[in-house]
Amino acid sequence: MTKFLEQELVEQVLKLPSAPAIVAEIETQLAAERAARLQFYNDITEQEKAEFINGEVIIHSPVMKFHNDISGNVYTMLRTFVTENNLGFIGIEKILVQFSRNDYEPDICYFNAEQAAQFRDDQSLFPVPNLIVEVLSKGTAPRDRGVKFQDYESHSVQEYWIIAPQSRTVEQYLNGPDGFELHLKSTSGDISSPTINGLTLPIAAIFDTQRARALVKQILLDNH
């Protein structure tokens, strides 16, 4: 869908006599944006969660406990499964991933074994992940469903989970020939990932720390 909209916009601009001037102005503004992005890399610290989106530095507010619990549950389950099965690397919150224009710090992201094999211990900037999980909050929801959704889609993120804490709902999008398609939206049952081979999680465990811990123990038992 994003690629279709981009092509449509290009065609509209090309129909205008002022197309060269529009392109020149866009390039001028993008050049200034690239300079601001380099400054962002120099200024960002480990003490804050920040993203660079369409030329703007976004500083995130502290999260509520429920948001933190959900992120922790998903991270713990995914990291245990991925680590025990040598499937790659799971990052949480402070992993800064570089897209062609923007830089994000997803709540959780997964890199497959081939990507993870290239990572260094002192690495601070990371490539586009294979799977991204965002836990919605009032402040982040418009970006998670808007610019991030479009950017993740157009940069071939294979799988995107959007978790809504208030409704205890998980949405799973898979990237296909036509972009992201909603594969699952549910408050119950299981979620299985085609991106992380063999992974199936009970949705209830995402919102229940005790169930998440039980699943982690089961994963460890299954692998030892």
C-alpha atoms as a PDB file:
ATOM      1  CA  MET A   1       0.000   0.000   0.000  1.00  0.00           C
ATOM      2  CA  THR A   2       2.799   2.436   0.892  1.00  0.00           C
ATOM      3  CA  LYS A   3       4.599   1.824  -2.422  1.00  0.00           C
ATOM      4  CA  PHE A   4       1.372   2.464  -4.334  1.00  0.00           C
ATOM      5  CA  LEU A   5       0.819   5.777  -2.538  1.00  0.00           C
ATOM      6  CA  GLU A   6       4.413   6.844  -3.174  1.00  0.00           C
ATOM      7  CA  GLN A   7       4.098   6.148  -6.889  1.00  0.00           C
ATOM      8  CA  GLU A   8       0.810   8.025  -7.016  1.00  0.00           C
ATOM      9  CA  LEU A   9       2.416  11.050  -5.334  1.00  0.00           C
ATOM     10  CA  VAL A  10       5.367  10.999  -7.761  1.00  0.00           C
ATOM     11  CA  GLU A  11       2.993  10.935 -10.721  1.00  0.00           C
ATOM     12  CA  GLN A  12       1.047  13.901  -9.324  1.00  0.00           C
ATOM     13  CA  VAL A  13       4.211  15.977  -8.903  1.00  0.00           C
ATOM     14  CA  LEU A  14       5.456  15.125 -12.400  1.00  0.00           C
ATOM     15  CA  LYS A  15       2.252  16.490 -13.873  1.00  0.00           C
ATOM     16  CA  LEU A  16       3.071  19.960 -12.490  1.00  0.00           C
ATOM     17  CA  PRO A  17       5.152  22.488 -14.471  1.00  0.00           C
ATOM     18  CA  SER A  18       6.894  23.371 -11.208  1.00  0.00           C
ATOM     19  CA  ALA A  19       8.069  19.779 -10.627  1.00  0.00           C
ATOM     20  CA  PRO A  20      11.807  20.677 -10.859  1.00  0.00           C
ATOM     21  CA  ALA A  21      11.425  23.455  -8.294  1.00  0.00           C
ATOM     22  CA  ILE A  22       9.483  21.157  -5.964  1.00  0.00           C
ATOM     23  CA  VAL A  23      12.176  18.461  -6.226  1.00  0.00           C
ATOM     24  CA  ALA A  24      14.927  21.044  -5.598  1.00  0.00           C
ATOM     25  CA  GLU A  25      13.150  22.354  -2.500  1.00  0.00           C
ATOM     26  CA  ILE A  26      12.658  18.824  -1.181  1.00  0.00           C
ATOM     27  CA  GLU A  27      16.359  18.081  -1.654  1.00  0.00           C
ATOM     28  CA  THR A  28      17.320  21.305   0.165  1.00  0.00           C
ATOM     29  CA  GLN A  29      15.164  20.380   3.127  1.00  0.00           C
ATOM     30  CA  LEU A  30      16.405  16.786   3.153  1.00  0.00           C
ATOM     31  CA  ALA A  31      20.008  18.021   3.187  1.00  0.00           C
ATOM     32  CA  ALA A  32      19.252  20.087   6.277  1.00  0.00           C
ATOM     33  CA  GLU A  33      17.540  17.056   7.776  1.00  0.00           C
ATOM     34  CA  ARG A  34      20.614  14.873   7.178  1.00  0.00           C
ATOM     35  CA  ALA A  35      22.749  17.416   9.040  1.00  0.00           C
ATOM     36  CA  ALA A  36      20.282  17.389  11.931  1.00  0.00           C
ATOM     37  CA  ARG A  37      20.413  13.599  11.956  1.00  0.00           C
ATOM     38  CA  LEU A  38      24.197  13.611  12.341  1.00  0.00           C
ATOM     39  CA  GLN A  39      23.803  16.041  15.241  1.00  0.00           C
ATOM     40  CA  PHE A  40      21.243  13.669  16.759  1.00  0.00           C
ATOM     41  CA  TYR A  41      23.827  10.865  16.730  1.00  0.00           C
ATOM     42  CA  ASN A  42      26.305  13.145  18.512  1.00  0.00           C
ATOM     43  CA  ASP A  43      23.821  14.329  21.132  1.00  0.00           C
ATOM     44  CA  ILE A  44      21.939  11.143  22.039  1.00  0.00           C
ATOM     45  CA  THR A  45      22.891   9.457  25.318  1.00  0.00           C
ATOM     46  CA  GLU A  46      22.180   6.116  26.972  1.00  0.00           C
ATOM     47  CA  GLN A  47      20.082   7.854  29.616  1.00  0.00           C
ATOM     48  CA  GLU A  48      17.193   8.782  27.346  1.00  0.00           C
ATOM     49  CA  LYS A  49      14.938   7.041  24.850  1.00  0.00           C
ATOM     50  CA  ALA A  50      14.961   9.135  21.698  1.00  0.00           C
ATOM     51  CA  GLU A  51      14.114   8.708  18.026  1.00  0.00           C
ATOM     52  CA  PHE A  52      14.748  10.746  14.890  1.00  0.00           C
ATOM     53  CA  ILE A  53      11.597  10.869  12.756  1.00  0.00           C
ATOM     54  CA  ASN A  54      11.183  13.008   9.634  1.00  0.00           C
ATOM     55  CA  GLY A  55      13.707  15.573  10.841  1.00  0.00           C
ATOM     56  CA  GLU A  56      12.393  15.795  14.401  1.00  0.00           C
ATOM     57  CA  VAL A  57      13.975  14.433  17.571  1.00  0.00           C
ATOM     58  CA  ILE A  58      11.327  12.622  19.622  1.00  0.00           C
ATOM     59  CA  ILE A  59      12.059  12.226  23.351  1.00  0.00           C
ATOM     60  CA  HIS A  60       9.844   9.622  24.987  1.00  0.00           C
ATOM     61  CA  SER A  61       8.144  10.073  28.339  1.00  0.00           C
ATOM     62  CA  PRO A  62       8.500   7.443  31.093  1.00  0.00           C
ATOM     63  CA  VAL A  63       6.194   4.460  30.571  1.00  0.00           C
ATOM     64  CA  MET A  64       3.473   3.175  32.885  1.00  0.00           C
ATOM     65  CA  LYS A  65       4.076  -0.022  34.828  1.00  0.00           C
ATOM     66  CA  PHE A  66       1.650  -2.053  32.700  1.00  0.00           C
ATOM     67  CA  HIS A  67       3.489  -1.019  29.546  1.00  0.00           C
ATOM     68  CA  ASN A  68       6.782  -1.998  31.155  1.00  0.00           C
ATOM     69  CA  ASP A  69       5.398  -5.356  32.324  1.00  0.00           C
ATOM     70  CA  ILE A  70       4.104  -6.216  28.840  1.00  0.00           C
ATOM     71  CA  SER A  71       7.378  -5.276  27.167  1.00  0.00           C
ATOM     72  CA  GLY A  72       9.269  -7.293  29.771  1.00  0.00           C
ATOM     73  CA  ASN A  73       7.051 -10.334  29.309  1.00  0.00           C
ATOM     74  CA  VAL A  74       7.405 -10.342  25.523  1.00  0.00           C
ATOM     75  CA  TYR A  75      11.140  -9.687  25.674  1.00  0.00           C
ATOM     76  CA  THR A  76      11.760 -12.456  28.197  1.00  0.00           C
ATOM     77  CA  MET A  77       9.754 -15.040  26.268  1.00  0.00           C
ATOM     78  CA  LEU A  78      11.240 -14.113  22.886  1.00  0.00           C
ATOM     79  CA  ARG A  79      14.790 -13.823  24.166  1.00  0.00           C
ATOM     80  CA  THR A  80      14.637 -17.194  25.929  1.00  0.00           C
ATOM     81  CA  PHE A  81      13.241 -18.939  22.855  1.00  0.00           C
ATOM     82  CA  VAL A  82      15.640 -17.258  20.418  1.00  0.00           C
ATOM     83  CA  THR A  83      18.703 -17.766  22.625  1.00  0.00           C
ATOM     84  CA  GLU A  84      17.951 -21.391  23.453  1.00  0.00           C
ATOM     85  CA  ASN A  85      17.448 -22.205  19.768  1.00  0.00           C
ATOM     86  CA  ASN A  86      20.338 -20.081  18.426  1.00  0.00           C
ATOM     87  CA  LEU A  87      17.997 -18.079  16.216  1.00  0.00           C
ATOM     88  CA  GLY A  88      19.565 -14.634  16.496  1.00  0.00           C
ATOM     89  CA  PHE A  89      19.283 -11.581  18.752  1.00  0.00           C
ATOM     90  CA  ILE A  90      16.408  -9.887  20.612  1.00  0.00           C
ATOM     91  CA  GLY A  91      16.732  -6.215  21.531  1.00  0.00           C
ATOM     92  CA  ILE A  92      14.610  -4.150  23.894  1.00  0.00           C
ATOM     93  CA  GLU A  93      13.867  -0.399  23.937  1.00  0.00           C
ATOM     94  CA  LYS A  94      17.363   1.121  23.666  1.00  0.00           C
ATOM     95  CA  ILE A  95      18.300  -0.610  20.406  1.00  0.00           C
ATOM     96  CA  LEU A  96      18.547   2.218  17.845  1.00  0.00           C
ATOM     97  CA  VAL A  97      17.687   0.915  14.375  1.00  0.00           C
ATOM     98  CA  GLN A  98      18.529   2.863  11.220  1.00  0.00           C
ATOM     99  CA  PHE A  99      16.091   3.229   8.349  1.00  0.00           C
ATOM    100  CA  SER A 100      16.876   5.210   5.214  1.00  0.00           C
ATOM    101  CA  ARG A 101      15.515   8.461   6.677  1.00  0.00           C
ATOM    102  CA  ASN A 102      14.603   7.767  10.289  1.00  0.00           C
ATOM    103  CA  ASP A 103      15.987   6.169  13.440  1.00  0.00           C
ATOM    104  CA  TYR A 104      13.752   4.254  15.841  1.00  0.00           C
ATOM    105  CA  GLU A 105      14.036   2.566  19.209  1.00  0.00           C
ATOM    106  CA  PRO A 106      11.317  -0.117  19.033  1.00  0.00           C
ATOM    107  CA  ASP A 107      10.001  -1.621  22.242  1.00  0.00           C
ATOM    108  CA  ILE A 108      11.286  -5.021  21.048  1.00  0.00           C
ATOM    109  CA  CYS A 109      13.027  -6.122  17.870  1.00  0.00           C
ATOM    110  CA  TYR A 110      14.374  -9.375  16.462  1.00  0.00           C
ATOM    111  CA  PHE A 111      17.343  -9.911  14.161  1.00  0.00           C
ATOM    112  CA  ASN A 112      17.858 -13.332  12.617  1.00  0.00           C
ATOM    113  CA  ALA A 113      21.011 -15.378  13.110  1.00  0.00           C
ATOM    114  CA  GLU A 114      22.607 -14.143   9.879  1.00  0.00           C
ATOM    115  CA  GLN A 115      22.239 -10.503  10.917  1.00  0.00           C
ATOM    116  CA  ALA A 116      23.181 -11.131  14.554  1.00  0.00           C
ATOM    117  CA  ALA A 117      26.425 -12.860  13.528  1.00  0.00           C
ATOM    118  CA  GLN A 118      27.661  -9.500  12.193  1.00  0.00           C
ATOM    119  CA  PHE A 119      26.990  -7.535  15.409  1.00  0.00           C
ATOM    120  CA  ARG A 120      29.836  -6.251  17.606  1.00  0.00           C
ATOM    121  CA  ASP A 121      29.748  -5.958  21.399  1.00  0.00           C
ATOM    122  CA  ASP A 122      30.295  -2.195  21.145  1.00  0.00           C
ATOM    123  CA  GLN A 123      27.670  -1.659  18.432  1.00  0.00           C
ATOM    124  CA  SER A 124      25.142   1.135  19.041  1.00  0.00           C
ATOM    125  CA  LEU A 125      23.434   1.503  15.633  1.00  0.00           C
ATOM    126  CA  PHE A 126      21.594  -1.448  14.119  1.00  0.00           C
ATOM    127  CA  PRO A 127      20.081  -2.360  10.731  1.00  0.00           C
ATOM    128  CA  VAL A 128      16.404  -2.877   9.927  1.00  0.00           C
ATOM    129  CA  PRO A 129      15.107  -5.778  12.088  1.00  0.00           C
ATOM    130  CA  ASN A 130      13.212  -8.816  10.837  1.00  0.00           C
ATOM    131  CA  LEU A 131      10.436  -8.441  13.431  1.00  0.00           C
ATOM    132  CA  ILE A 132       9.340  -5.439  15.496  1.00  0.00           C
ATOM    133  CA  VAL A 133       6.974  -5.250  18.481  1.00  0.00           C
ATOM    134  CA  GLU A 134       5.491  -1.945  19.645  1.00  0.00           C
ATOM    135  CA  VAL A 135       3.412  -1.626  22.822  1.00  0.00           C
ATOM    136  CA  LEU A 136       0.942   1.223  22.395  1.00  0.00           C
ATOM    137  CA  SER A 137       0.644   4.177  24.727  1.00  0.00           C
ATOM    138  CA  LYS A 138      -1.422   7.330  24.377  1.00  0.00           C
ATOM    139  CA  GLY A 139       1.613   9.283  23.205  1.00  0.00           C
ATOM    140  CA  THR A 140       3.111   6.716  20.824  1.00  0.00           C
ATOM    141  CA  ALA A 141       0.012   5.163  19.218  1.00  0.00           C
ATOM    142  CA  PRO A 142      -0.281   7.699  16.355  1.00  0.00           C
ATOM    143  CA  ARG A 143       3.340   7.073  15.321  1.00  0.00           C
ATOM    144  CA  ASP A 144       3.170   3.299  15.878  1.00  0.00           C
ATOM    145  CA  ARG A 145       0.145   3.100  13.567  1.00  0.00           C
ATOM    146  CA  GLY A 146       1.265   5.918  11.277  1.00  0.00           C
ATOM    147  CA  VAL A 147       4.810   6.811  10.221  1.00  0.00           C
ATOM    148  CA  LYS A 148       6.371   3.737  11.836  1.00  0.00           C
ATOM    149  CA  PHE A 149       3.853   1.383  10.241  1.00  0.00           C
ATOM    150  CA  GLN A 150       4.585   2.903   6.829  1.00  0.00           C
ATOM    151  CA  ASP A 151       8.361   2.913   7.350  1.00  0.00           C
ATOM    152  CA  TYR A 152       8.494  -0.655   8.675  1.00  0.00           C
ATOM    153  CA  GLU A 153       6.352  -1.776   5.755  1.00  0.00           C
ATOM    154  CA  SER A 154       8.359  -0.027   3.036  1.00  0.00           C
ATOM    155  CA  HIS A 155      11.700  -1.231   4.473  1.00  0.00           C
ATOM    156  CA  SER A 156      10.577  -4.877   4.377  1.00  0.00           C
ATOM    157  CA  VAL A 157      10.280  -5.575   8.098  1.00  0.00           C
ATOM    158  CA  GLN A 158       8.915  -9.095   7.796  1.00  0.00           C
ATOM    159  CA  GLU A 159       6.586  -9.006  10.775  1.00  0.00           C
ATOM    160  CA  TYR A 160       5.090  -6.300  12.999  1.00  0.00           C
ATOM    161  CA  TRP A 161       3.203  -6.813  16.264  1.00  0.00           C
ATOM    162  CA  ILE A 162       1.131  -3.982  17.745  1.00  0.00           C
ATOM    163  CA  ILE A 163       0.099  -4.631  21.343  1.00  0.00           C
ATOM    164  CA  ALA A 164      -2.739  -2.593  22.886  1.00  0.00           C
ATOM    165  CA  PRO A 165      -2.493  -2.773  26.703  1.00  0.00           C
ATOM    166  CA  GLN A 166      -5.950  -1.426  27.533  1.00  0.00           C
ATOM    167  CA  SER A 167      -7.854  -3.906  25.371  1.00  0.00           C
ATOM    168  CA  ARG A 168      -5.238  -6.668  25.825  1.00  0.00           C
ATOM    169  CA  THR A 169      -5.180  -7.122  22.071  1.00  0.00           C
ATOM    170  CA  VAL A 170      -2.357  -8.217  19.797  1.00  0.00           C
ATOM    171  CA  GLU A 171      -2.305  -7.353  16.099  1.00  0.00           C
ATOM    172  CA  GLN A 172       0.123  -9.283  13.893  1.00  0.00           C
ATOM    173  CA  TYR A 173       1.013  -7.916  10.462  1.00  0.00           C
ATOM    174  CA  LEU A 174       2.986  -9.904   7.891  1.00  0.00           C
ATOM    175  CA  ASN A 175       4.767  -8.189   4.999  1.00  0.00           C
ATOM    176  CA  GLY A 176       3.807  -9.511   1.573  1.00  0.00           C
ATOM    177  CA  PRO A 177       3.809  -8.355  -2.061  1.00  0.00           C
ATOM    178  CA  ASP A 178       1.193  -5.708  -1.254  1.00  0.00           C
ATOM    179  CA  GLY A 179       2.758  -4.601   2.036  1.00  0.00           C
ATOM    180  CA  PHE A 180       1.585  -5.323   5.547  1.00  0.00           C
ATOM    181  CA  GLU A 181      -1.485  -7.521   5.821  1.00  0.00           C
ATOM    182  CA  LEU A 182      -3.319  -8.135   9.098  1.00  0.00           C
ATOM    183  CA  HIS A 183      -2.740 -11.800   9.875  1.00  0.00           C
ATOM    184  CA  LEU A 184      -4.100 -11.911  13.443  1.00  0.00           C
ATOM    185  CA  LYS A 185      -5.984  -9.644  15.807  1.00  0.00           C
ATOM    186  CA  SER A 186      -6.976 -11.312  19.048  1.00  0.00           C
ATOM    187  CA  THR A 187      -7.224 -11.168  22.820  1.00  0.00           C
ATOM    188  CA  SER A 188      -6.907 -14.925  23.271  1.00  0.00           C
ATOM    189  CA  GLY A 189      -5.447 -18.063  21.756  1.00  0.00           C
ATOM    190  CA  ASP A 190      -1.902 -18.285  20.422  1.00  0.00           C
ATOM    191  CA  ILE A 191       0.286 -16.168  18.193  1.00  0.00           C
ATOM    192  CA  SER A 192       2.768 -18.007  15.960  1.00  0.00           C
ATOM    193  CA  SER A 193       5.594 -16.256  14.160  1.00  0.00           C
ATOM    194  CA  PRO A 194       6.744 -17.289  10.682  1.00  0.00           C
ATOM    195  CA  THR A 195       9.760 -15.010  11.177  1.00  0.00           C
ATOM    196  CA  ILE A 196      11.056 -16.676  14.367  1.00  0.00           C
ATOM    197  CA  ASN A 197      11.038 -20.315  13.346  1.00  0.00           C
ATOM    198  CA  GLY A 198       8.959 -22.502  15.656  1.00  0.00           C
ATOM    199  CA  LEU A 199       7.794 -19.712  17.979  1.00  0.00           C
ATOM    200  CA  THR A 200       4.244 -19.929  19.366  1.00  0.00           C
ATOM    201  CA  LEU A 201       3.155 -17.869  22.376  1.00  0.00           C
ATOM    202  CA  PRO A 202      -0.126 -17.826  24.290  1.00  0.00           C
ATOM    203  CA  ILE A 203      -1.477 -14.292  23.988  1.00  0.00           C
ATOM    204  CA  ALA A 204      -2.534 -14.359  27.637  1.00  0.00           C
ATOM    205  CA  ALA A 205       1.138 -14.686  28.671  1.00  0.00           C
ATOM    206  CA  ILE A 206       1.905 -11.322  27.061  1.00  0.00           C
ATOM    207  CA  PHE A 207      -0.298  -9.635  29.668  1.00  0.00           C
ATOM    208  CA  ASP A 208       0.337 -12.000  32.609  1.00  0.00           C
ATOM    209  CA  THR A 209       3.824 -12.140  34.115  1.00  0.00           C
ATOM    210  CA  GLN A 210       3.193 -15.426  35.932  1.00  0.00           C
ATOM    211  CA  ARG A 211       2.161 -17.131  32.701  1.00  0.00           C
ATOM    212  CA  ALA A 212       5.147 -15.617  30.932  1.00  0.00           C
ATOM    213  CA  ARG A 213       7.476 -17.023  33.592  1.00  0.00           C
ATOM    214  CA  ALA A 214       5.849 -20.439  33.283  1.00  0.00           C
ATOM    215  CA  LEU A 215       6.393 -20.426  29.539  1.00  0.00           C
ATOM    216  CA  VAL A 216      10.035 -19.431  29.966  1.00  0.00           C
ATOM    217  CA  LYS A 217      10.540 -22.377  32.332  1.00  0.00           C
ATOM    218  CA  GLN A 218       8.920 -24.691  29.799  1.00  0.00           C
ATOM    219  CA  ILE A 219      11.165 -23.421  27.005  1.00  0.00           C
ATOM    220  CA  LEU A 220      14.227 -24.049  29.159  1.00  0.00           C
ATOM    221  CA  LEU A 221      13.009 -27.557  30.050  1.00  0.00           C
ATOM    222  CA  ASP A 222      12.352 -28.367  26.393  1.00  0.00           C
ATOM    223  CA  ASN A 223      15.897 -27.397  25.459  1.00  0.00           C
ATOM    224  CA  HIS A 224      17.784 -29.191  28.256  1.00  0.00           C
END
